[in-house]
Amino acid sequence: MHGVIGNGDLPGDGDDNMHGVIGTDDLPGVRGTNDLPGDDNDNLPGVRGTNDIPGDDNDDQPGVRGTNDLPGGDNDNDNLPGVRATNDLPGDDNDDLPGVRGTNDLPGGDNDNLPGIKGTNDLPGGDNDNLPGKRGTNDLPGGDNDNLHGVRGTNDLPGYDNDNLPGVRGTNDLPGDDNNNLPGVRGN
């Protein structure tokens, strides 16, 4: 009987367990009792809804956890490339997820291209300071990593950190004198 709940019927939907009888929720294009607005079957786990993304139940519904959504966000879609997730930073998919490559992340480093956010390979206190060709937070103008002791900078001479930078003490500079240990270079 339509409108009467049978043994196998879903809550709020009659006739769904009767062979040959169409229940409320199984009619394509017809809103079921518990269906979310604009989507058929979206309240049924394991059943694709009208607007569901392939392979994911409820992934198109804000405030509803999808089948494959990562923990920590509603309608995350964090596992779907090219789809903005709830916690994604503007313009970047998955960039806020440690261990997950984001759209604009550099190879081998999560969040390394985001200013003010520590990346996987970023040195302590400096964003991008370990990336050649990228200006880091504490890098001196025109030189990558030139201010990091023990790390070769873009313009550093072989074997010497900061030895080519006037006003900056190099690894082997004498106290109070820049470049004094380099032959052919005027010291202070």
C-alpha atoms as a PDB file:
ATOM      1  CA  MET A   1       0.000   0.000   0.000  1.00  0.00           C
ATOM      2  CA  HIS A   2       1.285   3.372  -0.983  1.00  0.00           C
ATOM      3  CA  GLY A   3       2.046   5.515   2.046  1.00  0.00           C
ATOM      4  CA  VAL A   4       2.342   2.468   4.309  1.00  0.00           C
ATOM      5  CA  ILE A   5       5.788   1.526   5.582  1.00  0.00           C
ATOM      6  CA  GLY A   6       6.714  -2.106   4.844  1.00  0.00           C
ATOM      7  CA  ASN A   7       9.361  -4.285   6.487  1.00  0.00           C
ATOM      8  CA  GLY A   8      12.141  -3.210   4.119  1.00  0.00           C
ATOM      9  CA  ASP A   9      11.007   0.301   3.422  1.00  0.00           C
ATOM     10  CA  LEU A  10      13.272   3.247   4.098  1.00  0.00           C
ATOM     11  CA  PRO A  11      12.034   5.553   6.862  1.00  0.00           C
ATOM     12  CA  GLY A  12       9.387   7.924   5.529  1.00  0.00           C
ATOM     13  CA  ASP A  13       8.978   6.133   2.181  1.00  0.00           C
ATOM     14  CA  GLY A  14       6.281   3.594   1.426  1.00  0.00           C
ATOM     15  CA  ASP A  15       6.345   0.657  -1.006  1.00  0.00           C
ATOM     16  CA  ASP A  16      10.114   0.709  -1.563  1.00  0.00           C
ATOM     17  CA  ASN A  17      10.412  -2.985  -0.684  1.00  0.00           C
ATOM     18  CA  MET A  18       7.690  -4.206  -3.022  1.00  0.00           C
ATOM     19  CA  HIS A  19       8.809  -5.817  -6.275  1.00  0.00           C
ATOM     20  CA  GLY A  20       7.130  -4.150  -9.244  1.00  0.00           C
ATOM     21  CA  VAL A  21       5.931  -1.231  -7.149  1.00  0.00           C
ATOM     22  CA  ILE A  22       7.777   2.051  -7.424  1.00  0.00           C
ATOM     23  CA  GLY A  23       8.510   3.659  -4.100  1.00  0.00           C
ATOM     24  CA  THR A  24       8.795   7.381  -3.494  1.00  0.00           C
ATOM     25  CA  ASP A  25      12.591   7.517  -3.417  1.00  0.00           C
ATOM     26  CA  ASP A  26      13.329   5.351  -6.453  1.00  0.00           C
ATOM     27  CA  LEU A  27      11.540   7.478  -9.048  1.00  0.00           C
ATOM     28  CA  PRO A  28      13.997   9.380 -11.254  1.00  0.00           C
ATOM     29  CA  GLY A  29      13.173  13.065 -11.428  1.00  0.00           C
ATOM     30  CA  VAL A  30      10.750  12.798  -8.476  1.00  0.00           C
ATOM     31  CA  ARG A  31      11.657  14.214  -5.094  1.00  0.00           C
ATOM     32  CA  GLY A  32      11.630  11.531  -2.417  1.00  0.00           C
ATOM     33  CA  THR A  33      10.587  12.115   1.193  1.00  0.00           C
ATOM     34  CA  ASN A  34      14.144  12.442   2.496  1.00  0.00           C
ATOM     35  CA  ASP A  35      15.884  13.587  -0.687  1.00  0.00           C
ATOM     36  CA  LEU A  36      17.978  16.704  -0.447  1.00  0.00           C
ATOM     37  CA  PRO A  37      16.769  19.680  -2.500  1.00  0.00           C
ATOM     38  CA  GLY A  38      17.304  19.176  -6.249  1.00  0.00           C
ATOM     39  CA  ASP A  39      18.716  15.659  -5.985  1.00  0.00           C
ATOM     40  CA  ASP A  40      17.054  12.256  -6.230  1.00  0.00           C
ATOM     41  CA  ASN A  41      18.381   9.486  -3.989  1.00  0.00           C
ATOM     42  CA  ASP A  42      20.989  11.737  -2.377  1.00  0.00           C
ATOM     43  CA  ASN A  43      20.013  10.507   1.053  1.00  0.00           C
ATOM     44  CA  LEU A  44      20.732   6.884   0.144  1.00  0.00           C
ATOM     45  CA  PRO A  45      24.257   5.681   0.923  1.00  0.00           C
ATOM     46  CA  GLY A  46      25.785   3.711  -1.940  1.00  0.00           C
ATOM     47  CA  VAL A  47      23.247   5.089  -4.440  1.00  0.00           C
ATOM     48  CA  ARG A  48      24.281   7.717  -6.946  1.00  0.00           C
ATOM     49  CA  GLY A  49      22.264  10.908  -6.705  1.00  0.00           C
ATOM     50  CA  THR A  50      21.211  13.046  -9.656  1.00  0.00           C
ATOM     51  CA  ASN A  51      23.999  15.590  -9.253  1.00  0.00           C
ATOM     52  CA  ASP A  52      26.551  13.446  -7.455  1.00  0.00           C
ATOM     53  CA  ILE A  53      30.092  13.522  -8.797  1.00  0.00           C
ATOM     54  CA  PRO A  54      31.100  10.131 -10.230  1.00  0.00           C
ATOM     55  CA  GLY A  55      32.221   7.723  -7.505  1.00  0.00           C
ATOM     56  CA  ASP A  56      31.086   9.896  -4.613  1.00  0.00           C
ATOM     57  CA  ASP A  57      27.747   9.975  -2.850  1.00  0.00           C
ATOM     58  CA  ASN A  58      26.549  13.378  -1.636  1.00  0.00           C
ATOM     59  CA  ASP A  59      29.738  15.130  -2.757  1.00  0.00           C
ATOM     60  CA  ASP A  60      27.797  17.946  -4.357  1.00  0.00           C
ATOM     61  CA  GLN A  61      25.939  18.816  -1.154  1.00  0.00           C
ATOM     62  CA  PRO A  62      27.349  21.562   1.076  1.00  0.00           C
ATOM     63  CA  GLY A  63      27.233  20.539   4.710  1.00  0.00           C
ATOM     64  CA  VAL A  64      26.968  16.841   3.825  1.00  0.00           C
ATOM     65  CA  ARG A  65      29.960  14.535   4.039  1.00  0.00           C
ATOM     66  CA  GLY A  66      30.621  12.683   0.776  1.00  0.00           C
ATOM     67  CA  THR A  67      31.620   9.016   0.519  1.00  0.00           C
ATOM     68  CA  ASN A  68      35.259   9.750  -0.295  1.00  0.00           C
ATOM     69  CA  ASP A  69      35.565  13.151   1.365  1.00  0.00           C
ATOM     70  CA  LEU A  70      38.634  13.593   3.517  1.00  0.00           C
ATOM     71  CA  PRO A  71      38.059  14.202   7.228  1.00  0.00           C
ATOM     72  CA  GLY A  72      37.677  17.755   8.445  1.00  0.00           C
ATOM     73  CA  GLY A  73      35.385  19.307   5.858  1.00  0.00           C
ATOM     74  CA  ASP A  74      31.842  19.248   4.554  1.00  0.00           C
ATOM     75  CA  ASN A  75      31.393  18.578   0.849  1.00  0.00           C
ATOM     76  CA  ASP A  76      35.165  18.608   0.829  1.00  0.00           C
ATOM     77  CA  ASN A  77      35.803  17.087  -2.559  1.00  0.00           C
ATOM     78  CA  ASP A  78      39.368  17.250  -1.319  1.00  0.00           C
ATOM     79  CA  ASN A  79      40.120  14.047  -3.185  1.00  0.00           C
ATOM     80  CA  LEU A  80      38.862  15.454  -6.499  1.00  0.00           C
ATOM     81  CA  PRO A  81      41.410  17.333  -8.619  1.00  0.00           C
ATOM     82  CA  GLY A  82      40.144  20.591 -10.061  1.00  0.00           C
ATOM     83  CA  VAL A  83      37.294  20.889  -7.545  1.00  0.00           C
ATOM     84  CA  ARG A  84      37.456  23.519  -4.814  1.00  0.00           C
ATOM     85  CA  ALA A  85      37.125  21.941  -1.394  1.00  0.00           C
ATOM     86  CA  THR A  86      35.718  23.543   1.775  1.00  0.00           C
ATOM     87  CA  ASN A  87      39.143  24.087   3.318  1.00  0.00           C
ATOM     88  CA  ASP A  88      41.130  24.661   0.120  1.00  0.00           C
ATOM     89  CA  LEU A  89      42.984  27.929  -0.118  1.00  0.00           C
ATOM     90  CA  PRO A  90      41.822  30.258  -2.893  1.00  0.00           C
ATOM     91  CA  GLY A  91      42.940  28.984  -6.289  1.00  0.00           C
ATOM     92  CA  ASP A  92      44.583  25.843  -4.917  1.00  0.00           C
ATOM     93  CA  ASP A  93      43.144  22.359  -4.586  1.00  0.00           C
ATOM     94  CA  ASN A  94      44.369  20.379  -1.568  1.00  0.00           C
ATOM     95  CA  ASP A  95      47.087  22.927  -0.808  1.00  0.00           C
ATOM     96  CA  ASP A  96      46.106  22.954   2.865  1.00  0.00           C
ATOM     97  CA  LEU A  97      46.420  19.177   3.236  1.00  0.00           C
ATOM     98  CA  PRO A  98      49.787  17.905   4.474  1.00  0.00           C
ATOM     99  CA  GLY A  99      51.122  15.038   2.412  1.00  0.00           C
ATOM    100  CA  VAL A 100      48.742  15.764  -0.461  1.00  0.00           C
ATOM    101  CA  ARG A 101      50.034  17.493  -3.592  1.00  0.00           C
ATOM    102  CA  GLY A 102      48.117  20.690  -4.294  1.00  0.00           C
ATOM    103  CA  THR A 103      47.347  22.165  -7.702  1.00  0.00           C
ATOM    104  CA  ASN A 104      50.135  24.731  -7.493  1.00  0.00           C
ATOM    105  CA  ASP A 105      52.470  22.889  -5.139  1.00  0.00           C
ATOM    106  CA  LEU A 106      56.015  22.479  -6.380  1.00  0.00           C
ATOM    107  CA  PRO A 107      57.187  18.895  -6.926  1.00  0.00           C
ATOM    108  CA  GLY A 108      58.041  17.192  -3.640  1.00  0.00           C
ATOM    109  CA  GLY A 109      56.883  20.027  -1.450  1.00  0.00           C
ATOM    110  CA  ASP A 110      53.417  20.644  -0.022  1.00  0.00           C
ATOM    111  CA  ASN A 111      52.479  24.321   0.315  1.00  0.00           C
ATOM    112  CA  ASP A 112      56.010  25.401  -0.588  1.00  0.00           C
ATOM    113  CA  ASN A 113      54.681  28.031  -2.964  1.00  0.00           C
ATOM    114  CA  LEU A 114      52.347  29.674  -0.459  1.00  0.00           C
ATOM    115  CA  PRO A 115      53.704  32.790   1.282  1.00  0.00           C
ATOM    116  CA  GLY A 116      53.274  32.774   5.043  1.00  0.00           C
ATOM    117  CA  ILE A 117      52.579  29.024   5.145  1.00  0.00           C
ATOM    118  CA  LYS A 118      55.287  26.575   6.112  1.00  0.00           C
ATOM    119  CA  GLY A 119      55.844  24.070   3.295  1.00  0.00           C
ATOM    120  CA  THR A 120      57.032  20.493   3.629  1.00  0.00           C
ATOM    121  CA  ASN A 121      60.607  21.338   2.706  1.00  0.00           C
ATOM    122  CA  ASP A 122      60.703  24.939   3.949  1.00  0.00           C
ATOM    123  CA  LEU A 123      63.489  25.732   6.377  1.00  0.00           C
ATOM    124  CA  PRO A 124      62.388  26.922   9.831  1.00  0.00           C
ATOM    125  CA  GLY A 125      61.280  30.556   9.769  1.00  0.00           C
ATOM    126  CA  GLY A 126      61.575  30.969   6.015  1.00  0.00           C
ATOM    127  CA  ASP A 127      59.011  30.259   3.311  1.00  0.00           C
ATOM    128  CA  ASN A 128      60.542  28.947   0.065  1.00  0.00           C
ATOM    129  CA  ASP A 129      64.045  29.640   1.393  1.00  0.00           C
ATOM    130  CA  ASN A 130      65.214  26.215   0.267  1.00  0.00           C
ATOM    131  CA  LEU A 131      63.919  26.543  -3.289  1.00  0.00           C
ATOM    132  CA  PRO A 132      66.433  27.709  -5.908  1.00  0.00           C
ATOM    133  CA  GLY A 133      65.094  30.447  -8.144  1.00  0.00           C
ATOM    134  CA  LYS A 134      62.356  31.351  -5.648  1.00  0.00           C
ATOM    135  CA  ARG A 135      62.625  34.362  -3.388  1.00  0.00           C
ATOM    136  CA  GLY A 136      62.293  33.200   0.199  1.00  0.00           C
ATOM    137  CA  THR A 137      60.848  35.119   3.145  1.00  0.00           C
ATOM    138  CA  ASN A 138      64.260  36.017   4.537  1.00  0.00           C
ATOM    139  CA  ASP A 139      66.257  35.972   1.281  1.00  0.00           C
ATOM    140  CA  LEU A 140      68.261  39.074   0.463  1.00  0.00           C
ATOM    141  CA  PRO A 141      67.287  40.915  -2.730  1.00  0.00           C
ATOM    142  CA  GLY A 142      68.669  39.164  -5.805  1.00  0.00           C
ATOM    143  CA  GLY A 143      69.977  36.143  -3.931  1.00  0.00           C
ATOM    144  CA  ASP A 144      68.138  32.965  -3.019  1.00  0.00           C
ATOM    145  CA  ASN A 145      69.171  31.445   0.312  1.00  0.00           C
ATOM    146  CA  ASP A 146      72.070  33.923   0.584  1.00  0.00           C
ATOM    147  CA  ASN A 147      71.227  34.669   4.207  1.00  0.00           C
ATOM    148  CA  LEU A 148      71.178  31.038   5.334  1.00  0.00           C
ATOM    149  CA  HIS A 149      74.351  29.806   6.980  1.00  0.00           C
ATOM    150  CA  GLY A 150      75.521  26.497   5.552  1.00  0.00           C
ATOM    151  CA  VAL A 151      73.211  26.733   2.541  1.00  0.00           C
ATOM    152  CA  ARG A 152      74.576  27.706  -0.870  1.00  0.00           C
ATOM    153  CA  GLY A 153      72.911  30.865  -2.173  1.00  0.00           C
ATOM    154  CA  THR A 154      72.361  31.825  -5.804  1.00  0.00           C
ATOM    155  CA  ASN A 155      75.322  34.195  -5.921  1.00  0.00           C
ATOM    156  CA  ASP A 156      77.537  32.542  -3.322  1.00  0.00           C
ATOM    157  CA  LEU A 157      81.066  31.654  -4.417  1.00  0.00           C
ATOM    158  CA  PRO A 158      81.963  27.955  -4.241  1.00  0.00           C
ATOM    159  CA  GLY A 159      82.689  26.965  -0.659  1.00  0.00           C
ATOM    160  CA  TYR A 160      81.696  30.262   0.868  1.00  0.00           C
ATOM    161  CA  ASP A 161      78.331  31.391   2.158  1.00  0.00           C
ATOM    162  CA  ASN A 162      77.571  35.094   1.651  1.00  0.00           C
ATOM    163  CA  ASP A 163      81.194  35.919   0.792  1.00  0.00           C
ATOM    164  CA  ASN A 164      80.167  37.974  -2.254  1.00  0.00           C
ATOM    165  CA  LEU A 165      77.676  40.155  -0.411  1.00  0.00           C
ATOM    166  CA  PRO A 166      78.975  43.525   0.817  1.00  0.00           C
ATOM    167  CA  GLY A 167      78.070  44.251   4.407  1.00  0.00           C
ATOM    168  CA  VAL A 168      77.358  40.596   5.116  1.00  0.00           C
ATOM    169  CA  ARG A 169      79.832  38.403   6.944  1.00  0.00           C
ATOM    170  CA  GLY A 170      80.904  35.400   4.870  1.00  0.00           C
ATOM    171  CA  THR A 171      81.809  31.952   6.224  1.00  0.00           C
ATOM    172  CA  ASN A 172      85.548  32.538   6.060  1.00  0.00           C
ATOM    173  CA  ASP A 173      85.629  36.352   6.370  1.00  0.00           C
ATOM    174  CA  LEU A 174      87.938  37.793   8.999  1.00  0.00           C
ATOM    175  CA  PRO A 175      86.207  39.558  11.895  1.00  0.00           C
ATOM    176  CA  GLY A 176      85.005  43.015  10.830  1.00  0.00           C
ATOM    177  CA  ASP A 177      86.101  42.582   7.196  1.00  0.00           C
ATOM    178  CA  ASP A 178      83.989  41.447   4.278  1.00  0.00           C
ATOM    179  CA  ASN A 179      85.692  39.438   1.501  1.00  0.00           C
ATOM    180  CA  ASN A 180      89.176  39.971   2.973  1.00  0.00           C
ATOM    181  CA  ASN A 181      90.050  36.321   2.442  1.00  0.00           C
ATOM    182  CA  LEU A 182      89.249  36.370  -1.281  1.00  0.00           C
ATOM    183  CA  PRO A 183      92.174  37.024  -3.627  1.00  0.00           C
ATOM    184  CA  GLY A 184      91.486  39.765  -6.175  1.00  0.00           C
ATOM    185  CA  VAL A 185      88.581  41.132  -4.138  1.00  0.00           C
ATOM    186  CA  ARG A 186      88.905  44.367  -2.187  1.00  0.00           C
ATOM    187  CA  GLY A 187      88.103  43.973   1.488  1.00  0.00           C
ATOM    188  CA  ASN A 188      86.874  46.616   3.921  1.00  0.00           C
END
